[in-house]
Amino acid sequence: MVNLLSLAAATAAASISILDHTQLYAVDLANTGCKDYTPVGQFQFHRTTAEGWNLHAVAPGQFQIENIACGNLLTYAGSVTGTVPERSQLVDIAGSNTVWNITSTNATNPTGPFRFIESVSGRVWNGWANDPIDNTSSPITMERNRAADSRQLFYFTQLLLPSFSYDSFCLM
């Protein structure tokens, strides 16, 4: 079990990871790719910069989400052209204007779960079930907001990158 954060704590943190409804998979920038339109999906949570995000408040409850490895912003594939985001995959794009409404689904539990709702279309993140053959990853797409759909629930946790010392790499 990971230490879950409230929205206020996640906003104040140096960097966070965003976990799916199972709390086993993290929102992950594929191969830590720093080019525009790099897919963002779910990957087994293993605390890397590909899973590191910063929340930047733009208004109460509204945020831009930045990947710490690249500095690019989390958006969806059709955001630049104005395409309706239905079934659009999450991607990372430098200079994106996408704003996410992050709302708690449990008023009595400050650590979530949360829904990530695109501020213009009202579409929400949907984490798809993992393929049993390749169970390490699956896509996250934009879907209609369905209150009873657990695949649309996410949590925050501290990133806590693994640490190492220079001495561990020195030859004796």
Protein backbone atom coordinates (compact mmCIF):
# COMPACT_ATOMS: atom_id res chain seq x y z
CA MET A 1 0.00 0.00 0.00
CA VAL A 2 1.29 3.45 -0.88
CA ASN A 3 0.96 6.64 1.12
CA LEU A 4 -1.91 8.53 -0.53
CA LEU A 5 -2.07 12.32 -0.67
CA SER A 6 -4.87 14.87 -0.60
CA LEU A 7 -5.22 17.30 -3.50
CA ALA A 8 -3.77 20.10 -1.35
CA ALA A 9 -0.76 17.96 -0.40
CA ALA A 10 -0.28 16.84 -4.02
CA THR A 11 -0.30 20.46 -5.20
CA ALA A 12 2.27 21.43 -2.57
CA ALA A 13 4.54 18.42 -3.18
CA ALA A 14 7.76 18.73 -5.16
CA SER A 15 6.48 15.98 -7.46
CA ILE A 16 3.86 13.28 -7.29
CA SER A 17 2.73 10.11 -9.00
CA ILE A 18 -0.86 9.55 -10.06
CA LEU A 19 -2.15 6.01 -9.48
CA ASP A 20 -5.10 4.26 -11.08
CA HIS A 21 -8.07 2.85 -9.17
CA THR A 22 -6.12 -0.32 -8.26
CA GLN A 23 -3.21 1.76 -6.87
CA LEU A 24 -0.85 -0.66 -8.69
CA TYR A 25 -0.40 1.27 -11.95
CA ALA A 26 0.85 4.83 -12.38
CA VAL A 27 0.15 7.45 -15.03
CA ASP A 28 3.33 7.04 -17.10
CA LEU A 29 4.99 8.90 -19.98
CA ALA A 30 5.88 6.09 -22.42
CA ASN A 31 9.62 5.42 -22.44
CA THR A 32 10.11 8.86 -20.83
CA GLY A 33 9.69 10.24 -24.35
CA CYS A 34 10.09 14.00 -24.44
CA LYS A 35 8.71 14.56 -27.95
CA ASP A 36 5.26 16.00 -28.52
CA TYR A 37 2.47 13.41 -28.70
CA THR A 38 4.35 10.82 -26.65
CA PRO A 39 1.61 8.54 -25.29
CA VAL A 40 0.72 8.63 -21.62
CA GLY A 41 -0.75 5.45 -20.22
CA GLN A 42 -0.73 3.24 -17.16
CA PHE A 43 2.40 1.30 -16.26
CA GLN A 44 3.29 -0.81 -13.25
CA PHE A 45 4.17 1.68 -10.51
CA HIS A 46 7.95 1.73 -10.13
CA ARG A 47 8.78 5.35 -9.19
CA THR A 48 10.60 6.82 -12.19
CA THR A 49 10.59 10.32 -13.67
CA ALA A 50 8.24 8.99 -16.38
CA GLU A 51 5.71 8.68 -13.53
CA GLY A 52 6.56 12.04 -11.97
CA TRP A 53 4.16 14.96 -12.31
CA ASN A 54 3.71 18.47 -10.95
CA LEU A 55 0.30 20.08 -10.50
CA HIS A 56 0.16 23.79 -11.40
CA ALA A 57 -2.98 25.54 -10.15
CA VAL A 58 -4.53 27.91 -12.70
CA ALA A 59 -7.81 28.47 -10.80
CA PRO A 60 -9.54 26.84 -7.81
CA GLY A 61 -9.75 23.11 -8.60
CA GLN A 62 -8.16 23.60 -12.04
CA PHE A 63 -4.65 22.48 -12.92
CA GLN A 64 -2.13 21.97 -15.65
CA ILE A 65 -0.15 18.76 -15.18
CA GLU A 66 3.56 18.78 -16.06
CA ASN A 67 5.86 15.77 -16.44
CA ILE A 68 9.04 16.25 -14.37
CA ALA A 69 11.33 14.47 -16.85
CA CYS A 70 10.42 16.64 -19.85
CA GLY A 71 8.53 19.68 -18.65
CA ASN A 72 5.80 18.93 -21.19
CA LEU A 73 2.14 19.20 -20.23
CA LEU A 74 -0.40 16.40 -20.04
CA THR A 75 -3.15 16.73 -22.61
CA TYR A 76 -4.95 14.57 -25.19
CA ALA A 77 -4.11 13.83 -28.81
CA GLY A 78 -6.79 16.06 -30.38
CA SER A 79 -6.23 19.10 -28.16
CA VAL A 80 -4.20 21.12 -30.68
CA THR A 81 -6.75 20.75 -33.49
CA GLY A 82 -9.83 21.12 -31.30
CA THR A 83 -10.97 17.58 -32.03
CA VAL A 84 -13.59 16.24 -29.62
CA PRO A 85 -11.58 14.22 -27.11
CA GLU A 86 -13.90 11.19 -26.97
CA ARG A 87 -11.63 8.10 -26.91
CA SER A 88 -8.57 10.29 -27.44
CA GLN A 89 -5.43 8.98 -25.72
CA LEU A 90 -3.56 11.06 -23.17
CA VAL A 91 -0.28 12.48 -24.53
CA ASP A 92 2.43 14.93 -23.48
CA ILE A 93 2.79 18.19 -25.48
CA ALA A 94 5.05 21.19 -24.82
CA GLY A 95 3.04 24.39 -24.41
CA SER A 96 -0.36 22.70 -24.15
CA ASN A 97 -3.21 24.85 -22.87
CA THR A 98 -5.23 21.94 -21.48
CA VAL A 99 -6.63 22.53 -18.01
CA TRP A 100 -7.92 19.70 -15.82
CA ASN A 101 -10.62 19.98 -13.17
CA ILE A 102 -9.54 17.63 -10.40
CA THR A 103 -12.46 16.67 -8.19
CA SER A 104 -12.72 14.38 -5.19
CA THR A 105 -15.32 11.64 -5.38
CA ASN A 106 -15.39 11.12 -1.61
CA ALA A 107 -16.02 14.21 0.52
CA THR A 108 -15.15 12.32 3.71
CA ASN A 109 -11.76 11.07 2.48
CA PRO A 110 -9.28 13.80 1.51
CA THR A 111 -6.94 11.30 -0.17
CA GLY A 112 -9.39 10.43 -2.90
CA PRO A 113 -10.20 8.98 -5.18
CA PHE A 114 -10.21 11.81 -7.73
CA ARG A 115 -11.54 12.36 -11.23
CA PHE A 116 -9.56 14.28 -13.85
CA ILE A 117 -12.04 16.18 -16.02
CA GLU A 118 -10.99 18.15 -19.10
CA SER A 119 -12.24 21.69 -18.47
CA VAL A 120 -13.81 22.36 -21.89
CA SER A 121 -15.34 19.05 -22.98
CA GLY A 122 -16.12 17.50 -19.59
CA ARG A 123 -14.48 14.22 -20.68
CA VAL A 124 -12.60 12.29 -17.99
CA TRP A 125 -9.58 10.03 -17.81
CA ASN A 126 -10.43 6.35 -18.17
CA GLY A 127 -7.76 3.75 -17.29
CA TRP A 128 -8.39 0.62 -19.31
CA ALA A 129 -7.96 -2.90 -17.98
CA ASN A 130 -4.54 -4.38 -18.47
CA ASP A 131 -4.05 -6.94 -21.24
CA PRO A 132 -3.49 -10.36 -19.63
CA ILE A 133 -0.66 -11.10 -22.11
CA ASP A 134 1.18 -7.82 -21.46
CA ASN A 135 -0.04 -6.94 -18.00
CA THR A 136 2.49 -4.16 -17.37
CA SER A 137 0.66 -1.37 -19.18
CA SER A 138 -2.58 -0.14 -20.72
CA PRO A 139 -3.91 3.09 -22.26
CA ILE A 140 -5.68 6.00 -20.62
CA THR A 141 -8.28 7.64 -22.83
CA MET A 142 -10.83 10.44 -22.55
CA GLU A 143 -14.36 9.15 -21.99
CA ARG A 144 -17.78 10.33 -20.85
CA ASN A 145 -18.01 10.97 -17.13
CA ARG A 146 -19.70 7.93 -15.60
CA ALA A 147 -20.03 8.21 -11.82
CA ALA A 148 -20.13 4.44 -11.25
CA ASP A 149 -17.09 3.63 -13.44
CA SER A 150 -14.16 2.78 -11.15
CA ARG A 151 -11.72 2.98 -14.10
CA GLN A 152 -12.17 6.77 -13.90
CA LEU A 153 -10.81 7.01 -10.35
CA PHE A 154 -7.22 8.02 -9.55
CA TYR A 155 -5.09 8.71 -6.46
CA PHE A 156 -1.99 10.78 -5.63
CA THR A 157 1.17 9.54 -3.94
CA GLN A 158 4.60 11.04 -3.39
CA LEU A 159 7.03 10.18 -6.16
CA LEU A 160 10.01 9.39 -3.88
CA LEU A 161 12.51 8.49 -6.58
CA PRO A 162 14.91 5.70 -5.64
CA SER A 163 18.11 7.14 -4.26
CA PHE A 164 21.67 5.99 -4.73
CA SER A 165 25.05 7.27 -3.78
CA TYR A 166 27.98 8.02 -6.01
CA ASP A 167 30.06 5.63 -3.92
CA SER A 168 27.91 2.69 -5.00
CA PHE A 169 29.19 3.19 -8.56
CA CYS A 170 32.88 3.59 -7.71
CA LEU A 171 35.22 0.69 -8.25
CA MET A 172 37.38 -0.34 -5.34
